[in-house]
Structure formats: structure tokens, C-alpha cells
Amino acid sequence: MQDCTLHEAAQAYLEHLRAQGKKERTLYTYGKDFQQMEAFFGEDRKIKTILPPHVGKFLKSDELLRLPSGGERAKPTVEKTIRVLRMFLVWAKETGRVAKLPLPKDLPMGRNKGKESNDADGHAADASAGS
């Protein structure tokens, strides 16, 4: 488990969400988010080699900010992809796939606690307490 690739970890995360009863539409859109991440990092990239500077570059990349046609991606779509990435990385840390959370310090960790139903893993707020 410790040496899994981004693609393997992403698939395991989607299975984890499926087991939690997430809707197929949610899993589909998260899968699209992972396609963007894999386009940037490479699907064969070992997840434990992804560091905060790499995530920071992804947050400024065309893979995140632009559509395949070259147009700008809508801000809510970009924010959702960032949220999926953050939840995925928190889950990867909790499951031992990464030793340290590879998020840049300027990336907000919190969420609106009144909207707990939107949280895919139930632990994202806990991870921010130690950051």
C-alpha cells in the first residue's frame, strides 16, 4: 500500500467513497477530477513522492485552470477539484499511503462545519487542527 501510484490510490479512494454510499454521479465527477490530477502528476507517479511544491504547481497549472479547448475553467469547478484533491490527500495520509500531508501551507484546510454532508471523508476538519 505504501508504494502505490496516484492512479491506484485514486481508484482505492473512489472505492472507499462507493462503500460509504456516495452517489455514482459524485464518483463520476471525482473520477474526472482525478483525470486532471493524473494528467499533471502522471498516473504512474508514486503518491508518496508528491510534495507540497508539486501540489502548489498543480494549483497554478493549465490542467486545473483550463479546459481542453483552452478556455478558462469555471471557478466553482476549480474549487471543487481542489476540495477533492484535499480530501483525497487527507484520506491518503489517514490510510498510510503518505506519511505527511503534501498540501501547501496557503491552501485552506477548513470547511463550513454546518455542511458536514458535503464532506466525503468526515475527517478533513480534524487534519486542519494540527496544521
N, C-alpha and C. Protein backbone atom coordinates (compact mmCIF):
# COMPACT_ATOMS: atom_id res chain seq x y z
N MET A 1 0.82 -1.19 0.00
CA MET A 1 0.00 0.00 0.00
C MET A 1 0.87 1.26 0.00
N GLN A 2 1.97 1.22 0.68
CA GLN A 2 2.82 2.40 0.85
C GLN A 2 3.40 2.89 -0.49
N ASP A 3 3.62 1.98 -1.44
CA ASP A 3 4.24 2.38 -2.70
C ASP A 3 3.24 2.50 -3.85
N CYS A 4 1.99 2.80 -3.56
CA CYS A 4 1.00 2.83 -4.63
C CYS A 4 1.15 4.08 -5.49
N THR A 5 0.68 3.96 -6.72
CA THR A 5 0.71 5.08 -7.65
C THR A 5 -0.48 5.99 -7.40
N LEU A 6 -0.44 7.16 -7.99
CA LEU A 6 -1.56 8.10 -7.88
C LEU A 6 -2.83 7.43 -8.40
N HIS A 7 -2.73 6.75 -9.54
CA HIS A 7 -3.90 6.11 -10.13
C HIS A 7 -4.46 5.03 -9.19
N GLU A 8 -3.60 4.20 -8.64
CA GLU A 8 -4.05 3.14 -7.73
C GLU A 8 -4.72 3.73 -6.49
N ALA A 9 -4.11 4.77 -5.93
CA ALA A 9 -4.67 5.40 -4.74
C ALA A 9 -6.00 6.07 -5.06
N ALA A 10 -6.09 6.71 -6.22
CA ALA A 10 -7.34 7.37 -6.62
C ALA A 10 -8.46 6.34 -6.76
N GLN A 11 -8.15 5.20 -7.37
CA GLN A 11 -9.15 4.15 -7.52
C GLN A 11 -9.58 3.61 -6.15
N ALA A 12 -8.63 3.43 -5.25
CA ALA A 12 -8.95 2.96 -3.89
C ALA A 12 -9.82 3.97 -3.16
N TYR A 13 -9.53 5.27 -3.36
CA TYR A 13 -10.33 6.32 -2.72
C TYR A 13 -11.76 6.30 -3.25
N LEU A 14 -11.91 6.15 -4.57
CA LEU A 14 -13.26 6.09 -5.14
C LEU A 14 -14.02 4.87 -4.62
N GLU A 15 -13.33 3.75 -4.46
CA GLU A 15 -13.96 2.56 -3.88
C GLU A 15 -14.37 2.81 -2.43
N HIS A 16 -13.51 3.51 -1.70
CA HIS A 16 -13.82 3.88 -0.31
C HIS A 16 -15.10 4.72 -0.27
N LEU A 17 -15.22 5.68 -1.18
CA LEU A 17 -16.41 6.53 -1.22
C LEU A 17 -17.64 5.73 -1.64
N ARG A 18 -17.45 4.81 -2.58
CA ARG A 18 -18.57 3.95 -3.02
C ARG A 18 -19.08 3.13 -1.83
N ALA A 19 -18.16 2.61 -1.03
CA ALA A 19 -18.54 1.82 0.15
C ALA A 19 -19.28 2.67 1.18
N GLN A 20 -19.00 3.97 1.17
CA GLN A 20 -19.70 4.89 2.09
C GLN A 20 -21.07 5.28 1.56
N GLY A 21 -21.39 4.82 0.35
CA GLY A 21 -22.71 5.10 -0.21
C GLY A 21 -22.80 6.36 -1.04
N LYS A 22 -21.67 6.88 -1.51
CA LYS A 22 -21.71 8.08 -2.34
C LYS A 22 -22.41 7.76 -3.66
N LYS A 23 -23.09 8.75 -4.21
CA LYS A 23 -23.82 8.58 -5.46
C LYS A 23 -22.86 8.36 -6.63
N GLU A 24 -23.32 7.60 -7.62
CA GLU A 24 -22.49 7.32 -8.80
C GLU A 24 -22.10 8.61 -9.52
N ARG A 25 -22.97 9.59 -9.54
CA ARG A 25 -22.65 10.87 -10.20
C ARG A 25 -21.47 11.55 -9.49
N THR A 26 -21.46 11.49 -8.18
CA THR A 26 -20.35 12.06 -7.40
C THR A 26 -19.06 11.33 -7.75
N LEU A 27 -19.13 10.00 -7.77
CA LEU A 27 -17.94 9.21 -8.10
C LEU A 27 -17.45 9.51 -9.51
N TYR A 28 -18.39 9.72 -10.44
CA TYR A 28 -18.03 10.05 -11.81
C TYR A 28 -17.30 11.40 -11.87
N THR A 29 -17.86 12.42 -11.20
CA THR A 29 -17.22 13.74 -11.26
C THR A 29 -15.87 13.73 -10.54
N TYR A 30 -15.77 13.00 -9.44
CA TYR A 30 -14.48 12.88 -8.75
C TYR A 30 -13.47 12.17 -9.67
N GLY A 31 -13.94 11.17 -10.41
CA GLY A 31 -13.07 10.49 -11.37
C GLY A 31 -12.52 11.45 -12.40
N LYS A 32 -13.35 12.39 -12.85
CA LYS A 32 -12.89 13.42 -13.80
C LYS A 32 -11.84 14.32 -13.15
N ASP A 33 -12.04 14.63 -11.87
CA ASP A 33 -11.04 15.43 -11.14
C ASP A 33 -9.71 14.68 -11.09
N PHE A 34 -9.78 13.37 -10.83
CA PHE A 34 -8.55 12.58 -10.78
C PHE A 34 -7.87 12.51 -12.15
N GLN A 35 -8.64 12.55 -13.23
CA GLN A 35 -8.03 12.58 -14.56
C GLN A 35 -7.18 13.84 -14.73
N GLN A 36 -7.66 14.96 -14.23
CA GLN A 36 -6.88 16.21 -14.29
C GLN A 36 -5.60 16.07 -13.46
N MET A 37 -5.73 15.49 -12.27
CA MET A 37 -4.55 15.32 -11.40
C MET A 37 -3.54 14.39 -12.06
N GLU A 38 -4.03 13.31 -12.65
CA GLU A 38 -3.14 12.34 -13.30
C GLU A 38 -2.49 12.95 -14.53
N ALA A 39 -3.20 13.83 -15.23
CA ALA A 39 -2.61 14.50 -16.40
C ALA A 39 -1.44 15.37 -15.97
N PHE A 40 -1.53 15.96 -14.78
CA PHE A 40 -0.47 16.82 -14.29
C PHE A 40 0.67 16.01 -13.67
N PHE A 41 0.34 15.16 -12.71
CA PHE A 41 1.36 14.42 -11.95
C PHE A 41 1.86 13.17 -12.67
N GLY A 42 1.01 12.58 -13.51
CA GLY A 42 1.31 11.29 -14.13
C GLY A 42 0.65 10.19 -13.32
N GLU A 43 -0.11 9.33 -13.99
CA GLU A 43 -0.86 8.30 -13.24
C GLU A 43 0.05 7.28 -12.58
N ASP A 44 1.28 7.13 -13.08
CA ASP A 44 2.21 6.17 -12.50
C ASP A 44 3.10 6.78 -11.42
N ARG A 45 2.89 8.04 -11.11
CA ARG A 45 3.66 8.73 -10.07
C ARG A 45 3.35 8.10 -8.72
N LYS A 46 4.38 7.75 -7.97
CA LYS A 46 4.17 7.22 -6.62
C LYS A 46 3.59 8.34 -5.76
N ILE A 47 2.49 8.05 -5.12
CA ILE A 47 1.79 9.10 -4.37
C ILE A 47 2.67 9.67 -3.26
N LYS A 48 3.52 8.84 -2.68
CA LYS A 48 4.35 9.35 -1.58
C LYS A 48 5.44 10.31 -2.06
N THR A 49 5.65 10.42 -3.37
CA THR A 49 6.65 11.36 -3.89
C THR A 49 6.06 12.73 -4.20
N ILE A 50 4.76 12.88 -4.01
CA ILE A 50 4.11 14.18 -4.26
C ILE A 50 4.30 15.04 -3.01
N LEU A 51 4.93 16.19 -3.19
CA LEU A 51 5.28 17.09 -2.09
C LEU A 51 4.51 18.41 -2.22
N PRO A 52 4.46 19.21 -1.16
CA PRO A 52 3.73 20.49 -1.22
C PRO A 52 4.09 21.37 -2.42
N PRO A 53 5.37 21.49 -2.82
CA PRO A 53 5.65 22.32 -4.00
C PRO A 53 5.00 21.77 -5.29
N HIS A 54 4.89 20.44 -5.39
CA HIS A 54 4.25 19.84 -6.55
C HIS A 54 2.76 20.17 -6.58
N VAL A 55 2.12 20.07 -5.40
CA VAL A 55 0.70 20.40 -5.31
C VAL A 55 0.50 21.88 -5.63
N GLY A 56 1.41 22.73 -5.13
CA GLY A 56 1.34 24.16 -5.43
C GLY A 56 1.40 24.44 -6.92
N LYS A 57 2.26 23.71 -7.63
CA LYS A 57 2.35 23.88 -9.09
C LYS A 57 1.07 23.41 -9.78
N PHE A 58 0.48 22.32 -9.27
CA PHE A 58 -0.78 21.84 -9.84
C PHE A 58 -1.87 22.90 -9.68
N LEU A 59 -1.89 23.59 -8.54
CA LEU A 59 -2.92 24.59 -8.29
C LEU A 59 -2.83 25.78 -9.25
N LYS A 60 -1.69 25.93 -9.90
CA LYS A 60 -1.49 27.02 -10.88
C LYS A 60 -1.43 26.50 -12.32
N SER A 61 -1.65 25.20 -12.49
CA SER A 61 -1.45 24.57 -13.80
C SER A 61 -2.64 24.72 -14.74
N ASP A 62 -2.34 24.59 -16.03
CA ASP A 62 -3.39 24.59 -17.05
C ASP A 62 -4.31 23.38 -16.90
N GLU A 63 -3.77 22.25 -16.41
CA GLU A 63 -4.61 21.06 -16.22
C GLU A 63 -5.77 21.36 -15.27
N LEU A 64 -5.53 22.22 -14.28
CA LEU A 64 -6.57 22.58 -13.33
C LEU A 64 -7.39 23.77 -13.82
N LEU A 65 -6.75 24.77 -14.33
CA LEU A 65 -7.39 26.05 -14.59
C LEU A 65 -8.00 26.21 -15.98
N ARG A 66 -7.62 25.34 -16.92
CA ARG A 66 -8.10 25.49 -18.30
C ARG A 66 -8.84 24.24 -18.78
N LEU A 67 -9.77 24.47 -19.67
CA LEU A 67 -10.49 23.39 -20.33
C LEU A 67 -9.61 22.82 -21.44
N PRO A 68 -9.88 21.61 -21.91
CA PRO A 68 -9.11 21.07 -23.04
C PRO A 68 -9.15 21.99 -24.27
N SER A 69 -10.23 22.75 -24.42
CA SER A 69 -10.35 23.68 -25.55
C SER A 69 -9.49 24.92 -25.38
N GLY A 70 -8.94 25.13 -24.15
CA GLY A 70 -8.10 26.29 -23.90
C GLY A 70 -8.80 27.38 -23.12
N GLY A 71 -10.11 27.31 -23.02
CA GLY A 71 -10.86 28.31 -22.26
C GLY A 71 -10.64 28.13 -20.76
N GLU A 72 -11.06 29.14 -20.01
CA GLU A 72 -10.91 29.05 -18.56
C GLU A 72 -11.97 28.15 -17.96
N ARG A 73 -11.55 27.34 -16.99
CA ARG A 73 -12.49 26.51 -16.25
C ARG A 73 -13.24 27.41 -15.26
N ALA A 74 -14.49 27.13 -15.01
CA ALA A 74 -15.30 27.92 -14.08
C ALA A 74 -14.72 27.81 -12.66
N LYS A 75 -14.76 28.93 -11.94
CA LYS A 75 -14.20 28.98 -10.59
C LYS A 75 -14.79 27.91 -9.66
N PRO A 76 -16.14 27.69 -9.66
CA PRO A 76 -16.68 26.64 -8.78
C PRO A 76 -16.14 25.24 -9.14
N THR A 77 -15.88 25.00 -10.40
CA THR A 77 -15.33 23.71 -10.83
C THR A 77 -13.91 23.55 -10.32
N VAL A 78 -13.11 24.60 -10.44
CA VAL A 78 -11.73 24.57 -9.94
C VAL A 78 -11.73 24.36 -8.43
N GLU A 79 -12.61 25.07 -7.73
CA GLU A 79 -12.67 24.93 -6.27
C GLU A 79 -13.07 23.51 -5.87
N LYS A 80 -13.98 22.89 -6.63
CA LYS A 80 -14.38 21.51 -6.31
C LYS A 80 -13.22 20.55 -6.52
N THR A 81 -12.47 20.73 -7.60
CA THR A 81 -11.32 19.86 -7.86
C THR A 81 -10.30 19.99 -6.74
N ILE A 82 -10.06 21.20 -6.28
CA ILE A 82 -9.12 21.42 -5.17
C ILE A 82 -9.64 20.74 -3.90
N ARG A 83 -10.94 20.84 -3.67
CA ARG A 83 -11.54 20.20 -2.50
C ARG A 83 -11.38 18.68 -2.57
N VAL A 84 -11.62 18.11 -3.76
CA VAL A 84 -11.45 16.66 -3.94
C VAL A 84 -10.00 16.27 -3.69
N LEU A 85 -9.06 17.04 -4.22
CA LEU A 85 -7.64 16.77 -4.01
C LEU A 85 -7.30 16.80 -2.52
N ARG A 86 -7.79 17.82 -1.82
CA ARG A 86 -7.51 17.94 -0.40
C ARG A 86 -8.08 16.75 0.38
N MET A 87 -9.35 16.40 0.11
CA MET A 87 -9.96 15.26 0.82
C MET A 87 -9.22 13.96 0.51
N PHE A 88 -8.82 13.80 -0.74
CA PHE A 88 -8.09 12.61 -1.16
C PHE A 88 -6.75 12.50 -0.42
N LEU A 89 -6.03 13.61 -0.33
CA LEU A 89 -4.72 13.58 0.32
C LEU A 89 -4.85 13.36 1.83
N VAL A 90 -5.89 13.91 2.45
CA VAL A 90 -6.14 13.65 3.87
C VAL A 90 -6.40 12.16 4.06
N TRP A 91 -7.23 11.59 3.19
CA TRP A 91 -7.52 10.15 3.26
C TRP A 91 -6.24 9.33 3.04
N ALA A 92 -5.41 9.76 2.08
CA ALA A 92 -4.16 9.04 1.81
C ALA A 92 -3.26 9.04 3.03
N LYS A 93 -3.23 10.14 3.76
CA LYS A 93 -2.43 10.19 4.99
C LYS A 93 -3.02 9.28 6.06
N GLU A 94 -4.33 9.35 6.22
CA GLU A 94 -5.01 8.53 7.24
C GLU A 94 -4.86 7.04 6.98
N THR A 95 -4.72 6.66 5.72
CA THR A 95 -4.62 5.24 5.36
C THR A 95 -3.16 4.80 5.17
N GLY A 96 -2.22 5.67 5.48
CA GLY A 96 -0.81 5.31 5.42
C GLY A 96 -0.19 5.33 4.04
N ARG A 97 -0.88 5.89 3.08
CA ARG A 97 -0.33 5.97 1.72
C ARG A 97 0.71 7.08 1.59
N VAL A 98 0.56 8.12 2.41
CA VAL A 98 1.58 9.18 2.51
C VAL A 98 1.86 9.40 3.99
N ALA A 99 3.11 9.74 4.29
CA ALA A 99 3.49 9.93 5.69
C ALA A 99 3.11 11.32 6.19
N LYS A 100 3.19 12.30 5.29
CA LYS A 100 2.93 13.69 5.66
C LYS A 100 2.01 14.30 4.61
N LEU A 101 1.08 15.11 5.04
CA LEU A 101 0.12 15.73 4.14
C LEU A 101 0.84 16.69 3.20
N PRO A 102 0.83 16.44 1.88
CA PRO A 102 1.59 17.27 0.94
C PRO A 102 0.82 18.49 0.45
N LEU A 103 0.26 19.26 1.36
CA LEU A 103 -0.50 20.44 0.97
C LEU A 103 0.28 21.70 1.29
N PRO A 104 0.29 22.66 0.35
CA PRO A 104 0.96 23.94 0.63
C PRO A 104 0.30 24.62 1.84
N LYS A 105 1.09 25.35 2.59
CA LYS A 105 0.58 26.00 3.81
C LYS A 105 -0.54 27.00 3.51
N ASP A 106 -0.54 27.59 2.30
CA ASP A 106 -1.54 28.60 1.98
C ASP A 106 -2.84 28.00 1.45
N LEU A 107 -2.94 26.67 1.37
CA LEU A 107 -4.17 26.03 0.92
C LEU A 107 -5.08 25.85 2.13
N PRO A 108 -6.26 26.49 2.12
CA PRO A 108 -7.16 26.37 3.27
C PRO A 108 -7.58 24.92 3.47
N MET A 109 -7.58 24.48 4.73
CA MET A 109 -7.97 23.11 5.05
C MET A 109 -9.41 23.03 5.53
N GLY A 110 -9.92 24.12 6.05
CA GLY A 110 -11.22 24.07 6.69
C GLY A 110 -12.38 23.93 5.72
N ARG A 111 -13.52 23.65 6.32
CA ARG A 111 -14.77 23.62 5.58
C ARG A 111 -15.82 24.20 6.49
N ASN A 112 -16.95 24.53 5.94
CA ASN A 112 -18.05 25.03 6.74
C ASN A 112 -18.61 23.86 7.54
N LYS A 113 -18.46 23.90 8.85
CA LYS A 113 -18.88 22.77 9.69
C LYS A 113 -20.38 22.54 9.63
N GLY A 114 -21.12 23.52 9.20
CA GLY A 114 -22.56 23.35 9.05
C GLY A 114 -22.92 22.52 7.83
N LYS A 115 -21.97 22.22 7.00
CA LYS A 115 -22.21 21.47 5.77
C LYS A 115 -21.49 20.13 5.81
N GLU A 116 -21.58 19.43 6.91
CA GLU A 116 -20.86 18.18 7.04
C GLU A 116 -21.27 17.15 6.01
N SER A 117 -22.49 17.25 5.47
CA SER A 117 -22.91 16.28 4.48
C SER A 117 -22.09 16.39 3.19
N ASN A 118 -21.44 17.52 2.99
CA ASN A 118 -20.61 17.68 1.79
C ASN A 118 -19.23 17.06 1.95
N ASP A 119 -18.86 16.68 3.16
CA ASP A 119 -17.53 16.14 3.40
C ASP A 119 -17.50 14.66 3.03
N ALA A 120 -16.62 14.29 2.12
CA ALA A 120 -16.59 12.92 1.62
C ALA A 120 -15.91 11.95 2.57
N ASP A 121 -15.06 12.46 3.48
CA ASP A 121 -14.35 11.50 4.32
C ASP A 121 -14.57 11.70 5.82
N GLY A 122 -15.24 12.79 6.19
CA GLY A 122 -15.55 13.00 7.59
C GLY A 122 -14.37 13.40 8.46
N HIS A 123 -13.19 13.58 7.88
CA HIS A 123 -12.01 13.85 8.71
C HIS A 123 -11.24 15.10 8.28
N ALA A 124 -11.65 15.78 7.25
CA ALA A 124 -10.86 16.89 6.74
C ALA A 124 -10.66 17.98 7.80
N ALA A 125 -11.67 18.25 8.61
CA ALA A 125 -11.53 19.28 9.64
C ALA A 125 -10.53 18.86 10.71
N ASP A 126 -10.49 17.58 11.03
CA ASP A 126 -9.56 17.10 12.06
C ASP A 126 -8.12 17.32 11.63
N ALA A 127 -7.83 17.15 10.34
CA ALA A 127 -6.47 17.30 9.85
C ALA A 127 -6.00 18.74 9.94
N SER A 128 -6.92 19.71 9.90
CA SER A 128 -6.50 21.10 9.94
C SER A 128 -6.06 21.51 11.33
N ALA A 129 -6.49 20.81 12.36
CA ALA A 129 -6.14 21.19 13.72
C ALA A 129 -4.64 21.12 13.97
N GLY A 130 -3.97 20.18 13.33
CA GLY A 130 -2.54 20.04 13.54
C GLY A 130 -1.69 20.81 12.58
N SER A 131 -2.30 21.48 11.60
CA SER A 131 -1.54 22.19 10.57
C SER A 131 -1.12 23.55 11.02
